[in-house]
Amino acid sequence: MDDQRVWAFEESLWTADADRYRSSIDEQCLMVLPKPPFAMSGRQAVDAVAATPRWDRVELSERRVARPQEGMIVVAYKARAGMDGGEVYEAHCTSTYRRLAHDEWRVVQHQQTPPMLAP
């Protein structure tokens, strides 16, 4: 998958519906989100992502892509997502994809770290 498709895939996970998540997230996925229970795996991770807000728009910056081996892609970026009504969410994120078949990829790892605030 070329970089343009990687970023389109990642953006779609922020704005798509729950069915898109369920078809894109591997059942073996490990995930860390900034709300309890924080670290999740398998079906719990799929359900947690399916229950997150549907953002109307997302901007991904500070983009990095690595391909440590054939059939694996790792991305890191800063996300700024918004929805009508003004809510905005920011986080530094990573995702790892594995290829199951030609043009068939699943997320096997995802984490979100919101900006740290000084006390």
PDB file of N, CA and C in Angstrom:
ATOM      1  N   MET A   1       0.873  -1.162   0.000  1.00  0.00           N
ATOM      2  CA  MET A   1       0.000   0.000   0.000  1.00  0.00           C
ATOM      3  C   MET A   1       0.921   1.227   0.000  1.00  0.00           C
ATOM      4  N   ASP A   2       0.691   2.129  -0.947  1.00  0.00           N
ATOM      5  CA  ASP A   2       1.531   3.322  -1.010  1.00  0.00           C
ATOM      6  C   ASP A   2       1.113   4.323   0.073  1.00  0.00           C
ATOM      7  N   ASP A   3       1.966   5.328   0.318  1.00  0.00           N
ATOM      8  CA  ASP A   3       1.718   6.272   1.409  1.00  0.00           C
ATOM      9  C   ASP A   3       0.372   6.977   1.301  1.00  0.00           C
ATOM     10  N   GLN A   4      -0.021   7.370   0.110  1.00  0.00           N
ATOM     11  CA  GLN A   4      -1.307   8.068  -0.063  1.00  0.00           C
ATOM     12  C   GLN A   4      -2.465   7.193   0.400  1.00  0.00           C
ATOM     13  N   ARG A   5      -2.438   5.917   0.054  1.00  0.00           N
ATOM     14  CA  ARG A   5      -3.491   4.995   0.481  1.00  0.00           C
ATOM     15  C   ARG A   5      -3.428   4.722   1.975  1.00  0.00           C
ATOM     16  N   VAL A   6      -2.208   4.661   2.530  1.00  0.00           N
ATOM     17  CA  VAL A   6      -2.055   4.479   3.976  1.00  0.00           C
ATOM     18  C   VAL A   6      -2.769   5.597   4.712  1.00  0.00           C
ATOM     19  N   TRP A   7      -2.502   6.841   4.320  1.00  0.00           N
ATOM     20  CA  TRP A   7      -3.097   7.980   5.027  1.00  0.00           C
ATOM     21  C   TRP A   7      -4.604   8.075   4.798  1.00  0.00           C
ATOM     22  N   ALA A   8      -5.067   7.724   3.607  1.00  0.00           N
ATOM     23  CA  ALA A   8      -6.517   7.704   3.362  1.00  0.00           C
ATOM     24  C   ALA A   8      -7.188   6.651   4.247  1.00  0.00           C
ATOM     25  N   PHE A   9      -6.546   5.498   4.394  1.00  0.00           N
ATOM     26  CA  PHE A   9      -7.072   4.431   5.248  1.00  0.00           C
ATOM     27  C   PHE A   9      -7.133   4.908   6.700  1.00  0.00           C
ATOM     28  N   GLU A  10      -6.046   5.507   7.187  1.00  0.00           N
ATOM     29  CA  GLU A  10      -6.003   5.967   8.575  1.00  0.00           C
ATOM     30  C   GLU A  10      -7.046   7.063   8.822  1.00  0.00           C
ATOM     31  N   GLU A  11      -7.166   8.013   7.908  1.00  0.00           N
ATOM     32  CA  GLU A  11      -8.176   9.071   8.060  1.00  0.00           C
ATOM     33  C   GLU A  11      -9.581   8.482   8.102  1.00  0.00           C
ATOM     34  N   SER A  12      -9.828   7.476   7.279  1.00  0.00           N
ATOM     35  CA  SER A  12     -11.175   6.883   7.238  1.00  0.00           C
ATOM     36  C   SER A  12     -11.543   6.246   8.575  1.00  0.00           C
ATOM     37  N   LEU A  13     -10.554   5.775   9.328  1.00  0.00           N
ATOM     38  CA  LEU A  13     -10.856   5.172  10.621  1.00  0.00           C
ATOM     39  C   LEU A  13     -11.319   6.214  11.636  1.00  0.00           C
ATOM     40  N   TRP A  14     -10.983   7.464  11.416  1.00  0.00           N
ATOM     41  CA  TRP A  14     -11.436   8.544  12.311  1.00  0.00           C
ATOM     42  C   TRP A  14     -12.843   9.019  11.958  1.00  0.00           C
ATOM     43  N   THR A  15     -13.239   8.903  10.710  1.00  0.00           N
ATOM     44  CA  THR A  15     -14.513   9.480  10.273  1.00  0.00           C
ATOM     45  C   THR A  15     -15.560   8.436   9.871  1.00  0.00           C
ATOM     46  N   ALA A  16     -15.184   7.191   9.796  1.00  0.00           N
ATOM     47  CA  ALA A  16     -16.102   6.152   9.321  1.00  0.00           C
ATOM     48  C   ALA A  16     -17.042   5.675  10.425  1.00  0.00           C
ATOM     49  N   ASP A  17     -17.979   4.849  10.027  1.00  0.00           N
ATOM     50  CA  ASP A  17     -18.924   4.304  10.996  1.00  0.00           C
ATOM     51  C   ASP A  17     -18.364   3.040  11.661  1.00  0.00           C
ATOM     52  N   ALA A  18     -19.108   2.509  12.614  1.00  0.00           N
ATOM     53  CA  ALA A  18     -18.663   1.349  13.390  1.00  0.00           C
ATOM     54  C   ALA A  18     -18.421   0.125  12.509  1.00  0.00           C
ATOM     55  N   ASP A  19     -19.185  -0.043  11.439  1.00  0.00           N
ATOM     56  CA  ASP A  19     -18.973  -1.186  10.550  1.00  0.00           C
ATOM     57  C   ASP A  19     -17.599  -1.126   9.896  1.00  0.00           C
ATOM     58  N   ARG A  20     -17.156   0.069   9.547  1.00  0.00           N
ATOM     59  CA  ARG A  20     -15.815   0.236   8.966  1.00  0.00           C
ATOM     60  C   ARG A  20     -14.757  -0.203   9.976  1.00  0.00           C
ATOM     61  N   TYR A  21     -14.915   0.190  11.240  1.00  0.00           N
ATOM     62  CA  TYR A  21     -13.975  -0.244  12.277  1.00  0.00           C
ATOM     63  C   TYR A  21     -13.932  -1.754  12.372  1.00  0.00           C
ATOM     64  N   ARG A  22     -15.095  -2.348  12.460  1.00  0.00           N
ATOM     65  CA  ARG A  22     -15.154  -3.799  12.646  1.00  0.00           C
ATOM     66  C   ARG A  22     -14.487  -4.541  11.490  1.00  0.00           C
ATOM     67  N   SER A  23     -14.573  -4.001  10.293  1.00  0.00           N
ATOM     68  CA  SER A  23     -13.947  -4.668   9.143  1.00  0.00           C
ATOM     69  C   SER A  23     -12.467  -4.318   8.999  1.00  0.00           C
ATOM     70  N   SER A  24     -11.976  -3.320   9.717  1.00  0.00           N
ATOM     71  CA  SER A  24     -10.596  -2.865   9.569  1.00  0.00           C
ATOM     72  C   SER A  24      -9.688  -3.218  10.740  1.00  0.00           C
ATOM     73  N   ILE A  25     -10.265  -3.545  11.882  1.00  0.00           N
ATOM     74  CA  ILE A  25      -9.473  -3.818  13.078  1.00  0.00           C
ATOM     75  C   ILE A  25      -9.401  -5.318  13.305  1.00  0.00           C
ATOM     76  N   ASP A  26      -8.203  -5.828  13.404  1.00  0.00           N
ATOM     77  CA  ASP A  26      -7.961  -7.246  13.598  1.00  0.00           C
ATOM     78  C   ASP A  26      -8.445  -7.684  14.979  1.00  0.00           C
ATOM     79  N   GLU A  27      -8.949  -8.888  15.093  1.00  0.00           N
ATOM     80  CA  GLU A  27      -9.410  -9.388  16.389  1.00  0.00           C
ATOM     81  C   GLU A  27      -8.267  -9.593  17.372  1.00  0.00           C
ATOM     82  N   GLN A  28      -7.030  -9.580  16.900  1.00  0.00           N
ATOM     83  CA  GLN A  28      -5.859  -9.692  17.764  1.00  0.00           C
ATOM     84  C   GLN A  28      -5.259  -8.323  18.077  1.00  0.00           C
ATOM     85  N   CYS A  29      -5.931  -7.256  17.694  1.00  0.00           N
ATOM     86  CA  CYS A  29      -5.416  -5.903  17.871  1.00  0.00           C
ATOM     87  C   CYS A  29      -5.158  -5.583  19.344  1.00  0.00           C
ATOM     88  N   LEU A  30      -4.049  -4.899  19.604  1.00  0.00           N
ATOM     89  CA  LEU A  30      -3.775  -4.316  20.912  1.00  0.00           C
ATOM     90  C   LEU A  30      -3.944  -2.816  20.775  1.00  0.00           C
ATOM     91  N   MET A  31      -4.632  -2.209  21.738  1.00  0.00           N
ATOM     92  CA  MET A  31      -4.972  -0.799  21.625  1.00  0.00           C
ATOM     93  C   MET A  31      -4.841  -0.110  22.973  1.00  0.00           C
ATOM     94  N   VAL A  32      -4.362   1.133  22.934  1.00  0.00           N
ATOM     95  CA  VAL A  32      -4.312   1.966  24.133  1.00  0.00           C
ATOM     96  C   VAL A  32      -5.014   3.280  23.797  1.00  0.00           C
ATOM     97  N   LEU A  33      -6.080   3.561  24.547  1.00  0.00           N
ATOM     98  CA  LEU A  33      -6.843   4.800  24.379  1.00  0.00           C
ATOM     99  C   LEU A  33      -6.810   5.575  25.694  1.00  0.00           C
ATOM    100  N   PRO A  34      -7.010   6.890  25.646  1.00  0.00           N
ATOM    101  CA  PRO A  34      -6.902   7.707  26.864  1.00  0.00           C
ATOM    102  C   PRO A  34      -8.144   7.708  27.745  1.00  0.00           C
ATOM    103  N   LYS A  35      -8.773   6.545  27.880  1.00  0.00           N
ATOM    104  CA  LYS A  35      -9.897   6.410  28.803  1.00  0.00           C
ATOM    105  C   LYS A  35      -9.970   4.957  29.251  1.00  0.00           C
ATOM    106  N   PRO A  36     -10.516   4.705  30.422  1.00  0.00           N
ATOM    107  CA  PRO A  36     -10.561   3.334  30.937  1.00  0.00           C
ATOM    108  C   PRO A  36     -11.283   2.405  29.974  1.00  0.00           C
ATOM    109  N   PRO A  37     -10.807   1.204  29.853  1.00  0.00           N
ATOM    110  CA  PRO A  37      -9.754   0.562  30.635  1.00  0.00           C
ATOM    111  C   PRO A  37      -8.340   0.798  30.097  1.00  0.00           C
ATOM    112  N   PHE A  38      -8.151   1.747  29.231  1.00  0.00           N
ATOM    113  CA  PHE A  38      -6.870   2.187  28.671  1.00  0.00           C
ATOM    114  C   PHE A  38      -6.254   1.152  27.733  1.00  0.00           C
ATOM    115  N   ALA A  39      -5.807   0.012  28.224  1.00  0.00           N
ATOM    116  CA  ALA A  39      -5.207  -1.023  27.376  1.00  0.00           C
ATOM    117  C   ALA A  39      -6.240  -2.101  27.087  1.00  0.00           C
ATOM    118  N   MET A  40      -6.406  -2.415  25.797  1.00  0.00           N
ATOM    119  CA  MET A  40      -7.423  -3.371  25.376  1.00  0.00           C
ATOM    120  C   MET A  40      -6.852  -4.302  24.328  1.00  0.00           C
ATOM    121  N   SER A  41      -7.528  -5.413  24.137  1.00  0.00           N
ATOM    122  CA  SER A  41      -7.128  -6.341  23.089  1.00  0.00           C
ATOM    123  C   SER A  41      -8.356  -7.021  22.507  1.00  0.00           C
ATOM    124  N   GLY A  42      -8.156  -7.615  21.359  1.00  0.00           N
ATOM    125  CA  GLY A  42      -9.186  -8.408  20.718  1.00  0.00           C
ATOM    126  C   GLY A  42     -10.507  -7.684  20.535  1.00  0.00           C
ATOM    127  N   ARG A  43     -11.580  -8.388  20.806  1.00  0.00           N
ATOM    128  CA  ARG A  43     -12.932  -7.861  20.607  1.00  0.00           C
ATOM    129  C   ARG A  43     -13.173  -6.609  21.442  1.00  0.00           C
ATOM    130  N   GLN A  44     -12.572  -6.529  22.633  1.00  0.00           N
ATOM    131  CA  GLN A  44     -12.714  -5.339  23.477  1.00  0.00           C
ATOM    132  C   GLN A  44     -12.180  -4.103  22.754  1.00  0.00           C
ATOM    133  N   ALA A  45     -11.060  -4.242  22.044  1.00  0.00           N
ATOM    134  CA  ALA A  45     -10.494  -3.126  21.290  1.00  0.00           C
ATOM    135  C   ALA A  45     -11.419  -2.726  20.146  1.00  0.00           C
ATOM    136  N   VAL A  46     -11.941  -3.710  19.433  1.00  0.00           N
ATOM    137  CA  VAL A  46     -12.865  -3.427  18.326  1.00  0.00           C
ATOM    138  C   VAL A  46     -14.094  -2.690  18.853  1.00  0.00           C
ATOM    139  N   ASP A  47     -14.678  -3.177  19.937  1.00  0.00           N
ATOM    140  CA  ASP A  47     -15.870  -2.545  20.502  1.00  0.00           C
ATOM    141  C   ASP A  47     -15.576  -1.145  21.025  1.00  0.00           C
ATOM    142  N   ALA A  48     -14.400  -0.946  21.631  1.00  0.00           N
ATOM    143  CA  ALA A  48     -14.037   0.375  22.153  1.00  0.00           C
ATOM    144  C   ALA A  48     -13.927   1.391  21.027  1.00  0.00           C
ATOM    145  N   VAL A  49     -13.292   1.013  19.935  1.00  0.00           N
ATOM    146  CA  VAL A  49     -13.144   1.939  18.813  1.00  0.00           C
ATOM    147  C   VAL A  49     -14.500   2.183  18.155  1.00  0.00           C
ATOM    148  N   ALA A  50     -15.318   1.165  18.054  1.00  0.00           N
ATOM    149  CA  ALA A  50     -16.644   1.336  17.453  1.00  0.00           C
ATOM    150  C   ALA A  50     -17.508   2.290  18.273  1.00  0.00           C
ATOM    151  N   ALA A  51     -17.221   2.424  19.569  1.00  0.00           N
ATOM    152  CA  ALA A  51     -18.016   3.288  20.447  1.00  0.00           C
ATOM    153  C   ALA A  51     -17.462   4.708  20.558  1.00  0.00           C
ATOM    154  N   THR A  52     -16.352   5.006  19.886  1.00  0.00           N
ATOM    155  CA  THR A  52     -15.790   6.361  19.957  1.00  0.00           C
ATOM    156  C   THR A  52     -16.575   7.297  19.051  1.00  0.00           C
ATOM    157  N   PRO A  53     -16.432   8.619  19.255  1.00  0.00           N
ATOM    158  CA  PRO A  53     -17.195   9.570  18.433  1.00  0.00           C
ATOM    159  C   PRO A  53     -16.884   9.443  16.954  1.00  0.00           C
ATOM    160  N   ARG A  54     -17.872   9.741  16.114  1.00  0.00           N
ATOM    161  CA  ARG A  54     -17.671   9.828  14.675  1.00  0.00           C
ATOM    162  C   ARG A  54     -17.267  11.271  14.395  1.00  0.00           C
ATOM    163  N   TRP A  55     -16.037  11.488  14.063  1.00  0.00           N
ATOM    164  CA  TRP A  55     -15.549  12.830  13.780  1.00  0.00           C
ATOM    165  C   TRP A  55     -15.983  13.236  12.379  1.00  0.00           C
ATOM    166  N   ASP A  56     -16.336  14.509  12.223  1.00  0.00           N
ATOM    167  CA  ASP A  56     -16.721  15.025  10.908  1.00  0.00           C
ATOM    168  C   ASP A  56     -15.508  15.308  10.044  1.00  0.00           C
ATOM    169  N   ARG A  57     -14.388  15.611  10.707  1.00  0.00           N
ATOM    170  CA  ARG A  57     -13.171  15.945   9.973  1.00  0.00           C
ATOM    171  C   ARG A  57     -11.969  15.573  10.833  1.00  0.00           C
ATOM    172  N   VAL A  58     -10.872  15.270  10.163  1.00  0.00           N
ATOM    173  CA  VAL A  58      -9.627  14.974  10.865  1.00  0.00           C
ATOM    174  C   VAL A  58      -8.465  15.492  10.017  1.00  0.00           C
ATOM    175  N   GLU A  59      -7.489  16.041  10.691  1.00  0.00           N
ATOM    176  CA  GLU A  59      -6.261  16.483  10.043  1.00  0.00           C
ATOM    177  C   GLU A  59      -5.116  15.696  10.681  1.00  0.00           C
ATOM    178  N   LEU A  60      -4.343  15.013   9.851  1.00  0.00           N
ATOM    179  CA  LEU A  60      -3.208  14.249  10.328  1.00  0.00           C
ATOM    180  C   LEU A  60      -1.936  14.982   9.916  1.00  0.00           C
ATOM    181  N   SER A  61      -1.105  15.313  10.891  1.00  0.00           N
ATOM    182  CA  SER A  61       0.150  16.014  10.614  1.00  0.00           C
ATOM    183  C   SER A  61       1.306  15.247  11.255  1.00  0.00           C
ATOM    184  N   GLU A  62       2.504  15.750  11.080  1.00  0.00           N
ATOM    185  CA  GLU A  62       3.705  15.102  11.634  1.00  0.00           C
ATOM    186  C   GLU A  62       3.747  13.627  11.239  1.00  0.00           C
ATOM    187  N   ARG A  63       3.391  13.362  10.002  1.00  0.00           N
ATOM    188  CA  ARG A  63       3.226  11.992   9.503  1.00  0.00           C
ATOM    189  C   ARG A  63       4.566  11.277   9.302  1.00  0.00           C
ATOM    190  N   ARG A  64       4.571  10.021   9.731  1.00  0.00           N
ATOM    191  CA  ARG A  64       5.724   9.143   9.513  1.00  0.00           C
ATOM    192  C   ARG A  64       5.195   7.754   9.134  1.00  0.00           C
ATOM    193  N   VAL A  65       5.876   7.115   8.195  1.00  0.00           N
ATOM    194  CA  VAL A  65       5.523   5.767   7.758  1.00  0.00           C
ATOM    195  C   VAL A  65       6.777   4.907   7.786  1.00  0.00           C
ATOM    196  N   ALA A  66       6.680   3.707   8.325  1.00  0.00           N
ATOM    197  CA  ALA A  66       7.771   2.731   8.292  1.00  0.00           C
ATOM    198  C   ALA A  66       7.221   1.404   7.787  1.00  0.00           C
ATOM    199  N   ARG A  67       8.075   0.700   7.088  1.00  0.00           N
ATOM    200  CA  ARG A  67       7.732  -0.632   6.586  1.00  0.00           C
ATOM    201  C   ARG A  67       8.846  -1.591   7.033  1.00  0.00           C
ATOM    202  N   PRO A  68       8.784  -2.047   8.292  1.00  0.00           N
ATOM    203  CA  PRO A  68       9.884  -2.850   8.830  1.00  0.00           C
ATOM    204  C   PRO A  68      10.052  -4.217   8.176  1.00  0.00           C
ATOM    205  N   GLN A  69       8.999  -4.721   7.548  1.00  0.00           N
ATOM    206  CA  GLN A  69       9.104  -5.979   6.806  1.00  0.00           C
ATOM    207  C   GLN A  69       7.943  -6.054   5.828  1.00  0.00           C
ATOM    208  N   GLU A  70       8.031  -6.973   4.912  1.00  0.00           N
ATOM    209  CA  GLU A  70       6.981  -7.179   3.928  1.00  0.00           C
ATOM    210  C   GLU A  70       5.666  -7.480   4.633  1.00  0.00           C
ATOM    211  N   GLY A  71       4.603  -6.771   4.251  1.00  0.00           N
ATOM    212  CA  GLY A  71       3.284  -7.026   4.816  1.00  0.00           C
ATOM    213  C   GLY A  71       3.025  -6.343   6.141  1.00  0.00           C
ATOM    214  N   MET A  72       3.886  -5.400   6.533  1.00  0.00           N
ATOM    215  CA  MET A  72       3.681  -4.664   7.780  1.00  0.00           C
ATOM    216  C   MET A  72       3.947  -3.180   7.535  1.00  0.00           C
ATOM    217  N   ILE A  73       3.038  -2.342   8.035  1.00  0.00           N
ATOM    218  CA  ILE A  73       3.184  -0.886   7.933  1.00  0.00           C
ATOM    219  C   ILE A  73       2.931  -0.297   9.314  1.00  0.00           C
ATOM    220  N   VAL A  74       3.805   0.621   9.732  1.00  0.00           N
ATOM    221  CA  VAL A  74       3.658   1.322  11.003  1.00  0.00           C
ATOM    222  C   VAL A  74       3.575   2.809  10.688  1.00  0.00           C
ATOM    223  N   VAL A  75       2.575   3.486  11.268  1.00  0.00           N
ATOM    224  CA  VAL A  75       2.444   4.933  11.072  1.00  0.00           C
ATOM    225  C   VAL A  75       2.437   5.633  12.422  1.00  0.00           C
ATOM    226  N   ALA A  76       2.943   6.856  12.415  1.00  0.00           N
ATOM    227  CA  ALA A  76       2.896   7.723  13.590  1.00  0.00           C
ATOM    228  C   ALA A  76       2.501   9.105  13.086  1.00  0.00           C
ATOM    229  N   TYR A  77       1.695   9.822  13.892  1.00  0.00           N
ATOM    230  CA  TYR A  77       1.194  11.114  13.437  1.00  0.00           C
ATOM    231  C   TYR A  77       0.531  11.857  14.585  1.00  0.00           C
ATOM    232  N   LYS A  78       0.219  13.108  14.324  1.00  0.00           N
ATOM    233  CA  LYS A  78      -0.595  13.913  15.240  1.00  0.00           C
ATOM    234  C   LYS A  78      -1.965  14.068  14.592  1.00  0.00           C
ATOM    235  N   ALA A  79      -3.009  13.779  15.350  1.00  0.00           N
ATOM    236  CA  ALA A  79      -4.380  13.914  14.847  1.00  0.00           C
ATOM    237  C   ALA A  79      -5.061  15.107  15.516  1.00  0.00           C
ATOM    238  N   ARG A  80      -5.810  15.830  14.723  1.00  0.00           N
ATOM    239  CA  ARG A  80      -6.681  16.891  15.226  1.00  0.00           C
ATOM    240  C   ARG A  80      -8.034  16.644  14.574  1.00  0.00           C
ATOM    241  N   ALA A  81      -8.971  16.152  15.382  1.00  0.00           N
ATOM    242  CA  ALA A  81     -10.286  15.770  14.873  1.00  0.00           C
ATOM    243  C   ALA A  81     -11.336  16.718  15.424  1.00  0.00           C
ATOM    244  N   GLY A  82     -12.342  16.977  14.623  1.00  0.00           N
ATOM    245  CA  GLY A  82     -13.416  17.860  15.060  1.00  0.00           C
ATOM    246  C   GLY A  82     -14.761  17.361  14.592  1.00  0.00           C
ATOM    247  N   MET A  83     -15.783  17.896  15.245  1.00  0.00           N
ATOM    248  CA  MET A  83     -17.142  17.564  14.840  1.00  0.00           C
ATOM    249  C   MET A  83     -17.986  18.826  14.889  1.00  0.00           C
ATOM    250  N   ASP A  84     -19.080  18.792  14.165  1.00  0.00           N
ATOM    251  CA  ASP A  84     -20.001  19.922  14.204  1.00  0.00           C
ATOM    252  C   ASP A  84     -20.416  20.142  15.650  1.00  0.00           C
ATOM    253  N   GLY A  85     -20.467  21.377  16.053  1.00  0.00           N
ATOM    254  CA  GLY A  85     -20.766  21.681  17.435  1.00  0.00           C
ATOM    255  C   GLY A  85     -19.524  22.108  18.186  1.00  0.00           C
ATOM    256  N   GLY A  86     -18.373  22.016  17.521  1.00  0.00           N
ATOM    257  CA  GLY A  86     -17.174  22.591  18.078  1.00  0.00           C
ATOM    258  C   GLY A  86     -16.231  21.704  18.842  1.00  0.00           C
ATOM    259  N   GLU A  87     -16.607  20.462  19.214  1.00  0.00           N
ATOM    260  CA  GLU A  87     -15.681  19.621  19.960  1.00  0.00           C
ATOM    261  C   GLU A  87     -14.457  19.310  19.110  1.00  0.00           C
ATOM    262  N   VAL A  88     -13.269  19.449  19.735  1.00  0.00           N
ATOM    263  CA  VAL A  88     -12.003  19.148  19.064  1.00  0.00           C
ATOM    264  C   VAL A  88     -11.208  18.191  19.939  1.00  0.00           C
ATOM    265  N   TYR A  89     -10.555  17.224  19.294  1.00  0.00           N
ATOM    266  CA  TYR A  89      -9.742  16.243  20.001  1.00  0.00           C
ATOM    267  C   TYR A  89      -8.380  16.192  19.333  1.00  0.00           C
ATOM    268  N   GLU A  90      -7.320  16.211  20.137  1.00  0.00           N
ATOM    269  CA  GLU A  90      -5.960  16.100  19.617  1.00  0.00           C
ATOM    270  C   GLU A  90      -5.243  14.965  20.314  1.00  0.00           C
ATOM    271  N   ALA A  91      -4.393  14.262  19.565  1.00  0.00           N
ATOM    272  CA  ALA A  91      -3.585  13.189  20.141  1.00  0.00           C
ATOM    273  C   ALA A  91      -2.444  12.852  19.194  1.00  0.00           C
ATOM    274  N   HIS A  92      -1.357  12.357  19.772  1.00  0.00           N
ATOM    275  CA  HIS A  92      -0.291  11.743  18.987  1.00  0.00           C
ATOM    276  C   HIS A  92      -0.621  10.259  18.940  1.00  0.00           C
ATOM    277  N   CYS A  93      -0.518   9.667  17.756  1.00  0.00           N
ATOM    278  CA  CYS A  93      -1.015   8.310  17.558  1.00  0.00           C
ATOM    279  C   CYS A  93      -0.015   7.441  16.804  1.00  0.00           C
ATOM    280  N   THR A  94      -0.155   6.145  16.999  1.00  0.00           N
ATOM    281  CA  THR A  94       0.520   5.160  16.168  1.00  0.00           C
ATOM    282  C   THR A  94      -0.489   4.084  15.788  1.00  0.00           C
ATOM    283  N   SER A  95      -0.281   3.509  14.627  1.00  0.00           N
ATOM    284  CA  SER A  95      -1.059   2.352  14.184  1.00  0.00           C
ATOM    285  C   SER A  95      -0.114   1.410  13.456  1.00  0.00           C
ATOM    286  N   THR A  96      -0.391   0.130  13.568  1.00  0.00           N
ATOM    287  CA  THR A  96       0.363  -0.881  12.837  1.00  0.00           C
ATOM    288  C   THR A  96      -0.634  -1.724  12.063  1.00  0.00           C
ATOM    289  N   TYR A  97      -0.343  -1.942  10.781  1.00  0.00           N
ATOM    290  CA  TYR A  97      -1.189  -2.759   9.917  1.00  0.00           C
ATOM    291  C   TYR A  97      -0.441  -4.006   9.495  1.00  0.00           C
ATOM    292  N   ARG A  98      -1.196  -5.079   9.320  1.00  0.00           N
ATOM    293  CA  ARG A  98      -0.624  -6.269   8.700  1.00  0.00           C
ATOM    294  C   ARG A  98      -1.472  -6.632   7.490  1.00  0.00           C
ATOM    295  N   ARG A  99      -0.798  -7.123   6.486  1.00  0.00           N
ATOM    296  CA  ARG A  99      -1.499  -7.510   5.258  1.00  0.00           C
ATOM    297  C   ARG A  99      -1.958  -8.955   5.374  1.00  0.00           C
ATOM    298  N   LEU A 100      -3.244  -9.174   5.108  1.00  0.00           N
ATOM    299  CA  LEU A 100      -3.802 -10.521   5.108  1.00  0.00           C
ATOM    300  C   LEU A 100      -3.779 -11.133   3.713  1.00  0.00           C
ATOM    301  N   ALA A 101      -4.011 -10.293   2.714  1.00  0.00           N
ATOM    302  CA  ALA A 101      -4.026 -10.712   1.317  1.00  0.00           C
ATOM    303  C   ALA A 101      -3.796  -9.451   0.485  1.00  0.00           C
ATOM    304  N   HIS A 102      -3.691  -9.609  -0.806  1.00  0.00           N
ATOM    305  CA  HIS A 102      -3.490  -8.445  -1.671  1.00  0.00           C
ATOM    306  C   HIS A 102      -4.588  -7.408  -1.413  1.00  0.00           C
ATOM    307  N   ASP A 103      -4.167  -6.188  -1.063  1.00  0.00           N
ATOM    308  CA  ASP A 103      -5.084  -5.079  -0.775  1.00  0.00           C
ATOM    309  C   ASP A 103      -6.046  -5.342   0.381  1.00  0.00           C
ATOM    310  N   GLU A 104      -5.698  -6.247   1.271  1.00  0.00           N
ATOM    311  CA  GLU A 104      -6.513  -6.505   2.464  1.00  0.00           C
ATOM    312  C   GLU A 104      -5.622  -6.325   3.698  1.00  0.00           C
ATOM    313  N   TRP A 105      -5.866  -5.237   4.421  1.00  0.00           N
ATOM    314  CA  TRP A 105      -5.054  -4.858   5.566  1.00  0.00           C
ATOM    315  C   TRP A 105      -5.924  -4.749   6.806  1.00  0.00           C
ATOM    316  N   ARG A 106      -5.351  -5.058   7.979  1.00  0.00           N
ATOM    317  CA  ARG A 106      -6.045  -4.924   9.258  1.00  0.00           C
ATOM    318  C   ARG A 106      -5.135  -4.200  10.241  1.00  0.00           C
ATOM    319  N   VAL A 107      -5.753  -3.422  11.117  1.00  0.00           N
ATOM    320  CA  VAL A 107      -5.035  -2.745  12.187  1.00  0.00           C
ATOM    321  C   VAL A 107      -4.774  -3.768  13.288  1.00  0.00           C
ATOM    322  N   VAL A 108      -3.498  -3.928  13.678  1.00  0.00           N
ATOM    323  CA  VAL A 108      -3.154  -4.861  14.752  1.00  0.00           C
ATOM    324  C   VAL A 108      -2.650  -4.131  15.998  1.00  0.00           C
ATOM    325  N   GLN A 109      -2.447  -2.828  15.875  1.00  0.00           N
ATOM    326  CA  GLN A 109      -2.018  -2.013  17.025  1.00  0.00           C
ATOM    327  C   GLN A 109      -2.423  -0.577  16.767  1.00  0.00           C
ATOM    328  N   HIS A 110      -2.938   0.086  17.816  1.00  0.00           N
ATOM    329  CA  HIS A 110      -3.251   1.512  17.731  1.00  0.00           C
ATOM    330  C   HIS A 110      -3.149   2.107  19.126  1.00  0.00           C
ATOM    331  N   GLN A 111      -2.603   3.316  19.209  1.00  0.00           N
ATOM    332  CA  GLN A 111      -2.551   4.028  20.488  1.00  0.00           C
ATOM    333  C   GLN A 111      -2.766   5.508  20.235  1.00  0.00           C
ATOM    334  N   GLN A 112      -3.331   6.173  21.242  1.00  0.00           N
ATOM    335  CA  GLN A 112      -3.572   7.619  21.196  1.00  0.00           C
ATOM    336  C   GLN A 112      -3.062   8.225  22.500  1.00  0.00           C
ATOM    337  N   THR A 113      -2.224   9.249  22.378  1.00  0.00           N
ATOM    338  CA  THR A 113      -1.722   9.961  23.541  1.00  0.00           C
ATOM    339  C   THR A 113      -2.091  11.429  23.397  1.00  0.00           C
ATOM    340  N   PRO A 114      -3.055  11.916  24.172  1.00  0.00           N
ATOM    341  CA  PRO A 114      -3.398  13.338  24.123  1.00  0.00           C
ATOM    342  C   PRO A 114      -2.206  14.176  24.599  1.00  0.00           C
ATOM    343  N   PRO A 115      -2.157  15.465  24.213  1.00  0.00           N
ATOM    344  CA  PRO A 115      -1.059  16.320  24.648  1.00  0.00           C
ATOM    345  C   PRO A 115      -0.972  16.353  26.175  1.00  0.00           C
ATOM    346  N   MET A 116       0.252  16.363  26.651  1.00  0.00           N
ATOM    347  CA  MET A 116       0.475  16.469  28.092  1.00  0.00           C
ATOM    348  C   MET A 116       0.296  17.913  28.512  1.00  0.00           C
ATOM    349  N   LEU A 117      -0.343  18.123  29.645  1.00  0.00           N
ATOM    350  CA  LEU A 117      -0.541  19.474  30.165  1.00  0.00           C
ATOM    351  C   LEU A 117       0.318  19.649  31.419  1.00  0.00           C
ATOM    352  N   ALA A 118       1.068  20.723  31.456  1.00  0.00           N
ATOM    353  CA  ALA A 118       1.903  20.996  32.624  1.00  0.00           C
ATOM    354  C   ALA A 118       1.007  21.369  33.792  1.00  0.00           C
ATOM    355  N   PRO A 119       1.359  20.917  35.025  1.00  0.00           N
ATOM    356  CA  PRO A 119       0.535  21.224  36.193  1.00  0.00           C
ATOM    357  C   PRO A 119       0.566  22.717  36.529  1.00  0.00           C
TER     358      PRO A 119
END
